[in-house]
């Protein structure tokens, strides 16, 4: 997911995106714990996407304040 795509979204849409990413992250962690995860690089990608979304939410919150 690119930051440019995320910047065009509203804060409500970003919150939805964050919730889905957190669910995906949890699912990947459980797969890793049960040794069912083949591509472990997915964990890092999802973590970086979560960080991007949280950063943009903070920027938008600062912009309104």
Protein backbone atom coordinates (compact mmCIF):
# COMPACT_ATOMS: atom_id res chain seq x y z
CA UNK A 1 0.00 0.00 0.00
CA UNK A 2 1.40 3.36 -0.99
CA UNK A 3 1.21 6.51 1.10
CA UNK A 4 -0.18 8.44 -1.87
CA UNK A 5 -3.18 6.09 -1.98
CA UNK A 6 -3.74 6.52 1.74
CA UNK A 7 -3.49 10.32 1.70
CA UNK A 8 -6.58 10.52 -0.51
CA UNK A 9 -8.68 8.66 2.07
CA UNK A 10 -10.73 10.23 4.84
CA UNK A 11 -9.93 9.60 8.51
CA UNK A 12 -12.91 7.24 8.79
CA UNK A 13 -11.64 5.20 5.85
CA UNK A 14 -8.16 5.16 7.38
CA UNK A 15 -9.62 3.83 10.64
CA UNK A 16 -11.32 1.04 8.69
CA UNK A 17 -8.07 0.26 6.89
CA UNK A 18 -6.23 0.18 10.20
CA UNK A 19 -8.75 -2.25 11.69
CA UNK A 20 -8.43 -4.62 8.74
CA UNK A 21 -4.62 -4.44 8.86
CA UNK A 22 -4.60 -5.21 12.58
CA UNK A 23 -6.82 -8.25 11.98
CA UNK A 24 -4.51 -9.39 9.18
CA UNK A 25 -1.48 -8.90 11.44
CA UNK A 26 -3.09 -10.98 14.18
CA UNK A 27 -3.92 -13.72 11.70
CA UNK A 28 -0.36 -13.80 10.39
CA UNK A 29 1.04 -13.96 13.93
CA UNK A 30 -1.20 -16.93 14.72
CA UNK A 31 -0.12 -18.66 11.52
CA UNK A 32 3.51 -18.08 12.46
CA UNK A 33 2.95 -19.44 15.96
CA UNK A 34 1.38 -22.61 14.59
CA UNK A 35 4.09 -22.87 11.92
CA UNK A 36 1.63 -22.55 9.05
CA UNK A 37 3.08 -19.31 7.66
CA UNK A 38 5.15 -19.86 4.53
CA UNK A 39 6.02 -16.29 3.59
CA UNK A 40 7.25 -14.59 6.75
CA UNK A 41 7.97 -11.34 4.92
CA UNK A 42 4.22 -10.67 4.95
CA UNK A 43 4.48 -9.86 8.66
CA UNK A 44 6.90 -7.01 8.02
CA UNK A 45 4.84 -5.65 5.15
CA UNK A 46 1.68 -5.54 7.24
CA UNK A 47 3.53 -3.90 10.14
CA UNK A 48 4.85 -1.18 7.83
CA UNK A 49 1.37 -0.62 6.38
CA UNK A 50 -0.02 -0.25 9.92
CA UNK A 51 2.67 2.30 10.69
CA UNK A 52 1.85 4.24 7.50
CA UNK A 53 -1.85 4.40 8.34
CA UNK A 54 -1.18 5.45 11.94
CA UNK A 55 1.23 8.14 10.77
CA UNK A 56 -1.31 9.57 8.34
CA UNK A 57 -4.03 9.51 10.99
CA UNK A 58 -1.75 11.46 13.32
CA UNK A 59 -0.91 13.96 10.56
CA UNK A 60 -4.58 14.53 9.80
CA UNK A 61 -5.36 14.94 13.51
CA UNK A 62 -2.57 17.51 13.88
CA UNK A 63 -3.83 19.34 10.82
CA UNK A 64 -7.28 19.79 12.33
CA UNK A 65 -6.02 20.77 15.80
